[in-house]
Amino acid sequence: MNIDRTHRRLLAALSAAVTCCPAAVQAAEAAPGVGAGGVLKALLALAVVLAAVVAIAWAARRISPPSIAGSSLKLQGGLSVGTRERVMLVEINDTWLVLGVAPGRVNLLHSLPRPEDVPAPASTTTSNQGSFAAWLSNAIKRQSNA
């Protein structure tokens, strides 16, 4: 077998390292393979961890404060005054709040009662659902007539 000089040096260095560390060689030879019991233990541990994650998520959802989806908070409008700053007009019950919104902070700039001449905003979900329902019924009629 033809082995050049660099390979000979590498083999000599490896054999010297192996002879200097017999404990490492014995540990590597004595290491058992991964059996079915080891795989079963790992899968059981994974199942326990996943069950704990699901339990924590369930508890967090149960403990979290109620959302404001059903409340009287409505966004009336907004205006960008910088790259990351905005002025927002928010309605809560019958009060309008002018808020300055920037990364990491929200400041109340002004509050005023809701003007009488401004109609109460209609729910956007019902108006969108109504227009979609009308569009869908028209599309079905067109398909049946074609």
N, C-alpha and C. Protein backbone atom coordinates (compact mmCIF):
# COMPACT_ATOMS: atom_id res chain seq x y z
N MET A 1 0.85 -1.17 0.00
CA MET A 1 0.00 0.00 0.00
C MET A 1 0.89 1.23 0.00
N ASN A 2 0.59 2.18 -0.84
CA ASN A 2 1.41 3.38 -1.01
C ASN A 2 0.81 4.51 -0.19
N ILE A 3 1.48 4.87 0.93
CA ILE A 3 1.01 5.96 1.79
C ILE A 3 2.07 7.04 1.77
N ASP A 4 1.65 8.27 1.47
CA ASP A 4 2.64 9.34 1.41
C ASP A 4 3.03 9.82 2.81
N ARG A 5 3.95 10.74 2.86
CA ARG A 5 4.57 11.17 4.11
C ARG A 5 3.56 11.82 5.06
N THR A 6 2.63 12.67 4.59
CA THR A 6 1.65 13.34 5.47
C THR A 6 0.70 12.35 6.10
N HIS A 7 0.29 11.36 5.33
CA HIS A 7 -0.61 10.36 5.90
C HIS A 7 0.10 9.53 6.97
N ARG A 8 1.39 9.24 6.75
CA ARG A 8 2.16 8.51 7.76
C ARG A 8 2.25 9.31 9.05
N ARG A 9 2.50 10.61 8.92
CA ARG A 9 2.58 11.46 10.11
C ARG A 9 1.23 11.50 10.84
N LEU A 10 0.15 11.60 10.10
CA LEU A 10 -1.18 11.63 10.70
C LEU A 10 -1.48 10.32 11.44
N LEU A 11 -1.15 9.19 10.79
CA LEU A 11 -1.38 7.90 11.44
C LEU A 11 -0.51 7.76 12.69
N ALA A 12 0.71 8.27 12.65
CA ALA A 12 1.59 8.20 13.81
C ALA A 12 1.03 9.04 14.95
N ALA A 13 0.51 10.22 14.64
CA ALA A 13 -0.06 11.09 15.67
C ALA A 13 -1.30 10.45 16.28
N LEU A 14 -2.14 9.84 15.47
CA LEU A 14 -3.34 9.19 15.99
C LEU A 14 -3.00 7.99 16.87
N SER A 15 -2.05 7.21 16.45
CA SER A 15 -1.68 6.06 17.27
C SER A 15 -1.05 6.50 18.59
N ALA A 16 -0.30 7.61 18.57
CA ALA A 16 0.27 8.12 19.81
C ALA A 16 -0.83 8.62 20.74
N ALA A 17 -1.85 9.27 20.17
CA ALA A 17 -2.96 9.77 20.99
C ALA A 17 -3.75 8.61 21.60
N VAL A 18 -3.92 7.55 20.85
CA VAL A 18 -4.67 6.40 21.36
C VAL A 18 -3.89 5.71 22.47
N THR A 19 -2.58 5.58 22.30
CA THR A 19 -1.79 4.90 23.33
C THR A 19 -1.64 5.76 24.58
N CYS A 20 -1.70 7.09 24.43
CA CYS A 20 -1.59 7.97 25.59
C CYS A 20 -2.87 7.99 26.41
N CYS A 21 -4.00 7.73 25.81
CA CYS A 21 -5.29 7.83 26.49
C CYS A 21 -6.00 6.48 26.46
N PRO A 22 -5.52 5.49 27.17
CA PRO A 22 -6.19 4.19 27.13
C PRO A 22 -7.57 4.21 27.77
N ALA A 23 -7.79 5.12 28.71
CA ALA A 23 -9.11 5.18 29.34
C ALA A 23 -10.18 5.61 28.34
N ALA A 24 -9.84 6.52 27.44
CA ALA A 24 -10.80 6.97 26.42
C ALA A 24 -11.12 5.84 25.46
N VAL A 25 -10.10 5.05 25.13
CA VAL A 25 -10.32 3.92 24.23
C VAL A 25 -11.21 2.88 24.89
N GLN A 26 -10.98 2.59 26.15
CA GLN A 26 -11.79 1.61 26.86
C GLN A 26 -13.23 2.08 27.02
N ALA A 27 -13.40 3.38 27.28
CA ALA A 27 -14.76 3.91 27.41
C ALA A 27 -15.51 3.83 26.09
N ALA A 28 -14.80 4.10 24.99
CA ALA A 28 -15.45 4.04 23.69
C ALA A 28 -15.81 2.61 23.32
N GLU A 29 -14.95 1.64 23.70
CA GLU A 29 -15.24 0.25 23.39
C GLU A 29 -16.35 -0.30 24.28
N ALA A 30 -16.44 0.19 25.52
CA ALA A 30 -17.42 -0.34 26.47
C ALA A 30 -18.78 0.32 26.36
N ALA A 31 -18.92 1.38 25.56
CA ALA A 31 -20.20 2.08 25.46
C ALA A 31 -21.23 1.19 24.80
N PRO A 32 -22.35 0.96 25.46
CA PRO A 32 -23.37 0.09 24.87
C PRO A 32 -24.12 0.84 23.78
N GLY A 33 -24.69 0.10 22.86
CA GLY A 33 -25.50 0.70 21.81
C GLY A 33 -26.83 1.15 22.37
N VAL A 34 -27.52 1.95 21.62
CA VAL A 34 -28.83 2.43 22.05
C VAL A 34 -29.83 1.33 21.77
N GLY A 35 -30.46 0.86 22.82
CA GLY A 35 -31.42 -0.22 22.67
C GLY A 35 -32.85 0.30 22.65
N ALA A 36 -33.78 -0.63 22.62
CA ALA A 36 -35.20 -0.27 22.59
C ALA A 36 -35.62 0.41 23.88
N GLY A 37 -35.00 0.01 24.99
CA GLY A 37 -35.33 0.64 26.28
C GLY A 37 -34.93 2.10 26.31
N GLY A 38 -33.77 2.42 25.74
CA GLY A 38 -33.32 3.81 25.70
C GLY A 38 -34.22 4.68 24.83
N VAL A 39 -34.64 4.12 23.71
CA VAL A 39 -35.56 4.87 22.83
C VAL A 39 -36.90 5.07 23.51
N LEU A 40 -37.38 4.05 24.21
CA LEU A 40 -38.66 4.17 24.91
C LEU A 40 -38.59 5.22 26.01
N LYS A 41 -37.48 5.26 26.75
CA LYS A 41 -37.31 6.28 27.79
C LYS A 41 -37.29 7.68 27.19
N ALA A 42 -36.61 7.84 26.06
CA ALA A 42 -36.54 9.15 25.41
C ALA A 42 -37.92 9.60 24.93
N LEU A 43 -38.68 8.67 24.35
CA LEU A 43 -40.02 9.01 23.87
C LEU A 43 -40.95 9.34 25.04
N LEU A 44 -40.82 8.62 26.14
CA LEU A 44 -41.63 8.91 27.31
C LEU A 44 -41.29 10.28 27.88
N ALA A 45 -40.01 10.62 27.93
CA ALA A 45 -39.61 11.94 28.42
C ALA A 45 -40.13 13.04 27.50
N LEU A 46 -40.09 12.80 26.19
CA LEU A 46 -40.62 13.78 25.24
C LEU A 46 -42.12 13.96 25.43
N ALA A 47 -42.85 12.87 25.66
CA ALA A 47 -44.29 12.97 25.88
C ALA A 47 -44.60 13.76 27.14
N VAL A 48 -43.81 13.56 28.19
CA VAL A 48 -44.02 14.30 29.44
C VAL A 48 -43.79 15.79 29.22
N VAL A 49 -42.74 16.15 28.49
CA VAL A 49 -42.45 17.56 28.23
C VAL A 49 -43.55 18.19 27.39
N LEU A 50 -44.01 17.50 26.34
CA LEU A 50 -45.08 18.04 25.51
C LEU A 50 -46.38 18.19 26.29
N ALA A 51 -46.69 17.24 27.16
CA ALA A 51 -47.89 17.35 28.00
C ALA A 51 -47.78 18.55 28.93
N ALA A 52 -46.58 18.80 29.46
CA ALA A 52 -46.40 19.97 30.33
C ALA A 52 -46.59 21.27 29.55
N VAL A 53 -46.11 21.33 28.32
CA VAL A 53 -46.30 22.53 27.50
C VAL A 53 -47.78 22.77 27.22
N VAL A 54 -48.51 21.71 26.89
CA VAL A 54 -49.94 21.84 26.62
C VAL A 54 -50.68 22.28 27.88
N ALA A 55 -50.32 21.72 29.03
CA ALA A 55 -50.97 22.10 30.28
C ALA A 55 -50.71 23.55 30.64
N ILE A 56 -49.50 24.01 30.43
CA ILE A 56 -49.18 25.42 30.71
C ILE A 56 -49.93 26.34 29.77
N ALA A 57 -50.03 25.98 28.50
CA ALA A 57 -50.78 26.81 27.54
C ALA A 57 -52.25 26.86 27.92
N TRP A 58 -52.81 25.72 28.32
CA TRP A 58 -54.22 25.71 28.72
C TRP A 58 -54.44 26.58 29.94
N ALA A 59 -53.54 26.48 30.93
CA ALA A 59 -53.68 27.29 32.15
C ALA A 59 -53.52 28.78 31.84
N ALA A 60 -52.61 29.12 30.97
CA ALA A 60 -52.42 30.53 30.61
C ALA A 60 -53.65 31.09 29.92
N ARG A 61 -54.29 30.28 29.10
CA ARG A 61 -55.50 30.75 28.42
C ARG A 61 -56.64 30.94 29.40
N ARG A 62 -56.74 30.06 30.38
CA ARG A 62 -57.81 30.16 31.37
C ARG A 62 -57.60 31.34 32.32
N ILE A 63 -56.36 31.66 32.62
CA ILE A 63 -56.06 32.71 33.58
C ILE A 63 -56.01 34.09 32.93
N SER A 64 -55.77 34.15 31.62
CA SER A 64 -55.57 35.44 30.95
C SER A 64 -56.81 36.32 31.08
N PRO A 65 -56.61 37.64 31.11
CA PRO A 65 -57.75 38.54 31.23
C PRO A 65 -58.63 38.46 29.99
N PRO A 66 -59.90 38.80 30.13
CA PRO A 66 -60.79 38.72 28.98
C PRO A 66 -60.37 39.71 27.89
N SER A 67 -60.58 39.33 26.66
CA SER A 67 -60.21 40.19 25.55
C SER A 67 -61.19 41.36 25.43
N ILE A 68 -60.79 42.38 24.70
CA ILE A 68 -61.63 43.57 24.55
C ILE A 68 -62.43 43.52 23.26
N ALA A 69 -62.55 42.33 22.66
CA ALA A 69 -63.26 42.23 21.39
C ALA A 69 -64.73 42.63 21.54
N GLY A 70 -65.35 42.29 22.65
CA GLY A 70 -66.75 42.61 22.83
C GLY A 70 -66.97 43.95 23.51
N SER A 71 -65.92 44.68 23.82
CA SER A 71 -66.06 45.94 24.54
C SER A 71 -66.40 47.06 23.58
N SER A 72 -66.46 48.24 24.12
CA SER A 72 -66.84 49.40 23.32
C SER A 72 -65.62 50.17 22.82
N LEU A 73 -64.50 49.53 22.67
CA LEU A 73 -63.29 50.16 22.17
C LEU A 73 -63.29 50.09 20.65
N LYS A 74 -63.21 51.27 20.01
CA LYS A 74 -63.23 51.34 18.54
C LYS A 74 -62.14 52.28 18.07
N LEU A 75 -61.46 51.90 17.02
CA LEU A 75 -60.45 52.75 16.41
C LEU A 75 -61.13 53.62 15.36
N GLN A 76 -61.09 54.93 15.56
CA GLN A 76 -61.76 55.85 14.64
C GLN A 76 -60.85 56.26 13.49
N GLY A 77 -59.56 56.32 13.73
CA GLY A 77 -58.64 56.72 12.66
C GLY A 77 -57.24 56.86 13.19
N GLY A 78 -56.33 57.08 12.27
CA GLY A 78 -54.94 57.24 12.64
C GLY A 78 -54.18 58.00 11.57
N LEU A 79 -53.06 58.58 11.97
CA LEU A 79 -52.25 59.37 11.05
C LEU A 79 -50.79 59.14 11.40
N SER A 80 -49.99 58.84 10.41
CA SER A 80 -48.56 58.65 10.63
C SER A 80 -47.88 60.01 10.65
N VAL A 81 -47.11 60.26 11.71
CA VAL A 81 -46.42 61.54 11.84
C VAL A 81 -44.90 61.36 11.80
N GLY A 82 -44.44 60.17 11.56
CA GLY A 82 -43.02 59.88 11.48
C GLY A 82 -42.84 58.46 10.97
N THR A 83 -41.61 58.02 10.97
CA THR A 83 -41.37 56.67 10.46
C THR A 83 -41.98 55.61 11.37
N ARG A 84 -41.97 55.86 12.68
CA ARG A 84 -42.51 54.87 13.62
C ARG A 84 -43.49 55.49 14.60
N GLU A 85 -43.92 56.69 14.38
CA GLU A 85 -44.84 57.38 15.29
C GLU A 85 -46.18 57.60 14.60
N ARG A 86 -47.24 57.46 15.38
CA ARG A 86 -48.59 57.68 14.86
C ARG A 86 -49.42 58.43 15.88
N VAL A 87 -50.45 59.12 15.38
CA VAL A 87 -51.47 59.72 16.22
C VAL A 87 -52.75 58.95 15.92
N MET A 88 -53.36 58.37 16.97
CA MET A 88 -54.53 57.53 16.80
C MET A 88 -55.72 58.17 17.50
N LEU A 89 -56.89 58.01 16.92
CA LEU A 89 -58.13 58.47 17.51
C LEU A 89 -58.94 57.23 17.88
N VAL A 90 -59.13 57.03 19.19
CA VAL A 90 -59.79 55.84 19.71
C VAL A 90 -61.04 56.27 20.46
N GLU A 91 -62.14 55.51 20.25
CA GLU A 91 -63.38 55.79 20.96
C GLU A 91 -63.62 54.71 22.00
N ILE A 92 -63.82 55.14 23.23
CA ILE A 92 -64.18 54.23 24.31
C ILE A 92 -65.48 54.76 24.90
N ASN A 93 -66.53 53.95 24.79
CA ASN A 93 -67.89 54.35 25.16
C ASN A 93 -68.24 55.62 24.41
N ASP A 94 -68.44 56.74 25.08
CA ASP A 94 -68.75 57.99 24.38
C ASP A 94 -67.64 59.01 24.52
N THR A 95 -66.42 58.56 24.67
CA THR A 95 -65.27 59.46 24.81
C THR A 95 -64.26 59.14 23.73
N TRP A 96 -63.75 60.19 23.09
CA TRP A 96 -62.70 60.03 22.10
C TRP A 96 -61.37 60.36 22.75
N LEU A 97 -60.38 59.51 22.50
CA LEU A 97 -59.03 59.72 23.02
C LEU A 97 -58.08 59.91 21.85
N VAL A 98 -57.28 60.96 21.91
CA VAL A 98 -56.24 61.18 20.93
C VAL A 98 -54.95 60.67 21.56
N LEU A 99 -54.37 59.63 20.95
CA LEU A 99 -53.21 58.97 21.51
C LEU A 99 -52.00 59.15 20.62
N GLY A 100 -50.86 59.40 21.22
CA GLY A 100 -49.60 59.40 20.50
C GLY A 100 -48.96 58.04 20.71
N VAL A 101 -48.70 57.32 19.62
CA VAL A 101 -48.18 55.97 19.70
C VAL A 101 -46.79 55.94 19.08
N ALA A 102 -45.82 55.49 19.85
CA ALA A 102 -44.44 55.33 19.39
C ALA A 102 -43.96 53.97 19.89
N PRO A 103 -42.86 53.48 19.36
CA PRO A 103 -42.37 52.18 19.83
C PRO A 103 -42.09 52.21 21.33
N GLY A 104 -42.76 51.36 22.06
CA GLY A 104 -42.54 51.24 23.48
C GLY A 104 -43.35 52.16 24.35
N ARG A 105 -44.17 53.02 23.78
CA ARG A 105 -44.97 53.90 24.64
C ARG A 105 -46.21 54.40 23.91
N VAL A 106 -47.24 54.69 24.72
CA VAL A 106 -48.50 55.28 24.25
C VAL A 106 -48.81 56.43 25.20
N ASN A 107 -49.01 57.62 24.65
CA ASN A 107 -49.30 58.80 25.47
C ASN A 107 -50.68 59.35 25.12
N LEU A 108 -51.42 59.74 26.15
CA LEU A 108 -52.70 60.40 25.95
C LEU A 108 -52.43 61.86 25.63
N LEU A 109 -52.83 62.30 24.43
CA LEU A 109 -52.61 63.68 24.03
C LEU A 109 -53.81 64.56 24.38
N HIS A 110 -55.02 64.00 24.21
CA HIS A 110 -56.22 64.79 24.47
C HIS A 110 -57.41 63.83 24.59
N SER A 111 -58.40 64.21 25.37
CA SER A 111 -59.65 63.44 25.43
C SER A 111 -60.80 64.41 25.27
N LEU A 112 -61.84 63.97 24.57
CA LEU A 112 -62.99 64.83 24.34
C LEU A 112 -64.23 63.95 24.21
N PRO A 113 -65.41 64.51 24.49
CA PRO A 113 -66.63 63.73 24.32
C PRO A 113 -66.90 63.48 22.83
N ARG A 114 -67.57 62.39 22.54
CA ARG A 114 -67.89 62.05 21.15
C ARG A 114 -68.84 63.10 20.59
N PRO A 115 -68.53 63.69 19.44
CA PRO A 115 -69.42 64.70 18.85
C PRO A 115 -70.78 64.09 18.50
N GLU A 116 -71.80 64.91 18.65
CA GLU A 116 -73.17 64.43 18.39
C GLU A 116 -73.44 64.24 16.90
N ASP A 117 -72.78 65.03 16.04
CA ASP A 117 -73.07 64.94 14.61
C ASP A 117 -72.38 63.76 13.93
N VAL A 118 -71.52 63.05 14.62
CA VAL A 118 -70.84 61.89 14.05
C VAL A 118 -71.67 60.66 14.35
N PRO A 119 -72.09 59.93 13.32
CA PRO A 119 -72.89 58.73 13.57
C PRO A 119 -72.03 57.65 14.21
N ALA A 120 -72.70 56.82 14.97
CA ALA A 120 -71.99 55.69 15.59
C ALA A 120 -71.51 54.76 14.49
N PRO A 121 -70.27 54.31 14.58
CA PRO A 121 -69.76 53.45 13.51
C PRO A 121 -70.46 52.09 13.52
N ALA A 122 -70.78 51.61 12.32
CA ALA A 122 -71.39 50.29 12.19
C ALA A 122 -70.32 49.24 12.37
N SER A 123 -70.72 48.10 12.81
CA SER A 123 -69.77 47.02 12.98
C SER A 123 -69.24 46.60 11.63
N THR A 124 -67.93 46.57 11.49
CA THR A 124 -67.34 46.23 10.19
C THR A 124 -67.53 44.77 9.85
N THR A 125 -67.64 43.92 10.84
CA THR A 125 -67.78 42.50 10.55
C THR A 125 -69.14 42.20 9.93
N THR A 126 -70.20 42.86 10.42
CA THR A 126 -71.52 42.59 9.85
C THR A 126 -71.63 43.18 8.45
N SER A 127 -71.03 44.36 8.22
CA SER A 127 -71.13 44.93 6.89
C SER A 127 -70.31 44.12 5.89
N ASN A 128 -69.15 43.60 6.32
CA ASN A 128 -68.36 42.77 5.43
C ASN A 128 -69.05 41.44 5.17
N GLN A 129 -69.70 40.90 6.19
CA GLN A 129 -70.39 39.64 6.00
C GLN A 129 -71.59 39.83 5.08
N GLY A 130 -72.28 40.96 5.22
CA GLY A 130 -73.43 41.21 4.36
C GLY A 130 -73.01 41.36 2.91
N SER A 131 -71.94 42.08 2.65
CA SER A 131 -71.51 42.26 1.27
C SER A 131 -70.99 40.95 0.70
N PHE A 132 -70.33 40.13 1.51
CA PHE A 132 -69.87 38.84 1.03
C PHE A 132 -71.05 37.92 0.75
N ALA A 133 -72.07 37.98 1.62
CA ALA A 133 -73.24 37.14 1.40
C ALA A 133 -73.95 37.55 0.10
N ALA A 134 -74.04 38.86 -0.15
CA ALA A 134 -74.67 39.30 -1.39
C ALA A 134 -73.84 38.87 -2.60
N TRP A 135 -72.53 39.01 -2.51
CA TRP A 135 -71.66 38.60 -3.62
C TRP A 135 -71.77 37.10 -3.87
N LEU A 136 -71.82 36.31 -2.80
CA LEU A 136 -71.91 34.86 -2.94
C LEU A 136 -73.23 34.45 -3.57
N SER A 137 -74.32 35.07 -3.13
CA SER A 137 -75.61 34.70 -3.73
C SER A 137 -75.66 35.10 -5.20
N ASN A 138 -75.08 36.24 -5.57
CA ASN A 138 -75.03 36.63 -6.99
C ASN A 138 -74.17 35.66 -7.79
N ALA A 139 -73.04 35.22 -7.22
CA ALA A 139 -72.18 34.28 -7.92
C ALA A 139 -72.89 32.94 -8.12
N ILE A 140 -73.64 32.49 -7.13
CA ILE A 140 -74.38 31.23 -7.25
C ILE A 140 -75.46 31.35 -8.30
N LYS A 141 -76.15 32.49 -8.35
CA LYS A 141 -77.19 32.68 -9.36
C LYS A 141 -76.59 32.69 -10.76
N ARG A 142 -75.43 33.33 -10.92
CA ARG A 142 -74.77 33.36 -12.23
C ARG A 142 -74.35 31.96 -12.66
N GLN A 143 -73.86 31.16 -11.71
CA GLN A 143 -73.43 29.80 -12.04
C GLN A 143 -74.63 28.93 -12.43
N SER A 144 -75.76 29.11 -11.75
CA SER A 144 -76.94 28.28 -12.06
C SER A 144 -77.57 28.72 -13.40
N ASN A 145 -77.47 29.99 -13.76
CA ASN A 145 -78.03 30.49 -15.02
C ASN A 145 -77.14 30.15 -16.21
N ALA A 146 -75.87 29.93 -15.99
CA ALA A 146 -74.93 29.67 -17.09
C ALA A 146 -74.97 28.27 -17.60
